[in-house]
Amino acid sequence: MTDEDLLKQLKTGSNEAYKYLIDTNRNLVWSIALGMTGNKDTSEDLFQEVFFRVYRDISKFRGDSKL
């Protein structure tokens, strides 16, 4: 699935697209969160916050940058 296709599906509220987004970016987001905080518990909170904000604000994403 291309980022463009994924973005279109996310903007329509597709739960499957959101699950795909999490599944394909889980390791990257976790690594960055853990690297930033150095703490597992804080990283879990940050991990959840990242995907929550994507879900909440996807309608504002213009697609000018990589999803």
C-alpha atoms as a PDB file:
ATOM      1  CA  MET A   1       0.000   0.000   0.000  1.00  0.00           C
ATOM      2  CA  THR A   2       1.374   3.415  -0.907  1.00  0.00           C
ATOM      3  CA  ASP A   3       1.422   6.280   1.586  1.00  0.00           C
ATOM      4  CA  GLU A   4      -1.087   8.086  -0.634  1.00  0.00           C
ATOM      5  CA  ASP A   5      -3.513   5.149  -0.515  1.00  0.00           C
ATOM      6  CA  LEU A   6      -3.007   4.770   3.213  1.00  0.00           C
ATOM      7  CA  LEU A   7      -3.621   8.463   3.818  1.00  0.00           C
ATOM      8  CA  LYS A   8      -6.859   8.378   1.829  1.00  0.00           C
ATOM      9  CA  GLN A   9      -8.091   5.400   3.828  1.00  0.00           C
ATOM     10  CA  LEU A  10      -7.044   6.938   7.153  1.00  0.00           C
ATOM     11  CA  LYS A  11      -8.920  10.126   6.317  1.00  0.00           C
ATOM     12  CA  THR A  12     -12.083   8.105   5.670  1.00  0.00           C
ATOM     13  CA  GLY A  13     -11.782   6.564   9.135  1.00  0.00           C
ATOM     14  CA  SER A  14     -10.694   3.078   8.100  1.00  0.00           C
ATOM     15  CA  ASN A  15      -9.824   1.003  11.158  1.00  0.00           C
ATOM     16  CA  GLU A  16      -7.926  -1.428   8.925  1.00  0.00           C
ATOM     17  CA  ALA A  17      -5.745   1.397   7.596  1.00  0.00           C
ATOM     18  CA  TYR A  18      -5.030   2.607  11.114  1.00  0.00           C
ATOM     19  CA  LYS A  19      -4.072  -0.922  12.176  1.00  0.00           C
ATOM     20  CA  TYR A  20      -1.811  -1.183   9.113  1.00  0.00           C
ATOM     21  CA  LEU A  21      -0.180   2.147  10.029  1.00  0.00           C
ATOM     22  CA  ILE A  22       0.554   0.929  13.551  1.00  0.00           C
ATOM     23  CA  ASP A  23       1.767  -2.489  12.419  1.00  0.00           C
ATOM     24  CA  THR A  24       4.168  -1.074   9.834  1.00  0.00           C
ATOM     25  CA  ASN A  25       5.552   1.684  12.074  1.00  0.00           C
ATOM     26  CA  ARG A  26       5.487   0.013  15.489  1.00  0.00           C
ATOM     27  CA  ASN A  27       9.207  -0.776  15.705  1.00  0.00           C
ATOM     28  CA  LEU A  28      10.342   2.618  14.431  1.00  0.00           C
ATOM     29  CA  VAL A  29       8.107   4.594  16.792  1.00  0.00           C
ATOM     30  CA  TRP A  30       9.054   2.367  19.734  1.00  0.00           C
ATOM     31  CA  SER A  31      12.785   2.727  19.030  1.00  0.00           C
ATOM     32  CA  ILE A  32      12.551   6.493  18.787  1.00  0.00           C
ATOM     33  CA  ALA A  33      10.436   6.763  21.949  1.00  0.00           C
ATOM     34  CA  LEU A  34      12.799   4.542  23.923  1.00  0.00           C
ATOM     35  CA  GLY A  35      15.813   6.422  22.610  1.00  0.00           C
ATOM     36  CA  MET A  36      14.259   9.734  23.630  1.00  0.00           C
ATOM     37  CA  THR A  37      13.202   8.691  27.104  1.00  0.00           C
ATOM     38  CA  GLY A  38      15.443   5.784  28.089  1.00  0.00           C
ATOM     39  CA  ASN A  39      12.542   4.489  30.155  1.00  0.00           C
ATOM     40  CA  LYS A  40      10.208   1.649  29.162  1.00  0.00           C
ATOM     41  CA  ASP A  41       7.116   2.987  30.939  1.00  0.00           C
ATOM     42  CA  THR A  42       7.516   6.500  29.595  1.00  0.00           C
ATOM     43  CA  SER A  43       8.205   5.085  26.125  1.00  0.00           C
ATOM     44  CA  GLU A  44       4.938   3.134  26.232  1.00  0.00           C
ATOM     45  CA  ASP A  45       3.052   6.319  27.055  1.00  0.00           C
ATOM     46  CA  LEU A  46       4.808   8.226  24.278  1.00  0.00           C
ATOM     47  CA  PHE A  47       4.201   5.379  21.807  1.00  0.00           C
ATOM     48  CA  GLN A  48       0.471   5.488  22.500  1.00  0.00           C
ATOM     49  CA  GLU A  49       0.381   9.271  22.351  1.00  0.00           C
ATOM     50  CA  VAL A  50       2.016   9.310  18.905  1.00  0.00           C
ATOM     51  CA  PHE A  51      -0.579   7.010  17.378  1.00  0.00           C
ATOM     52  CA  PHE A  52      -3.438   8.714  19.221  1.00  0.00           C
ATOM     53  CA  ARG A  53      -2.410  12.071  17.758  1.00  0.00           C
ATOM     54  CA  VAL A  54      -2.147  10.609  14.275  1.00  0.00           C
ATOM     55  CA  TYR A  55      -5.655   9.226  14.673  1.00  0.00           C
ATOM     56  CA  ARG A  56      -7.022  12.479  16.084  1.00  0.00           C
ATOM     57  CA  ASP A  57      -5.325  14.859  13.662  1.00  0.00           C
ATOM     58  CA  ILE A  58      -5.116  12.883  10.406  1.00  0.00           C
ATOM     59  CA  SER A  59      -7.632  15.221   8.768  1.00  0.00           C
ATOM     60  CA  LYS A  60      -5.110  18.081   9.155  1.00  0.00           C
ATOM     61  CA  PHE A  61      -2.288  16.179   7.434  1.00  0.00           C
ATOM     62  CA  ARG A  62      -1.724  17.677   3.976  1.00  0.00           C
ATOM     63  CA  GLY A  63       0.615  14.995   2.677  1.00  0.00           C
ATOM     64  CA  ASP A  64       3.514  17.401   2.074  1.00  0.00           C
ATOM     65  CA  SER A  65       5.832  15.104   4.006  1.00  0.00           C
ATOM     66  CA  LYS A  66       6.241  11.389   4.533  1.00  0.00           C
ATOM     67  CA  LEU A  67       3.401   9.914   6.543  1.00  0.00           C
END
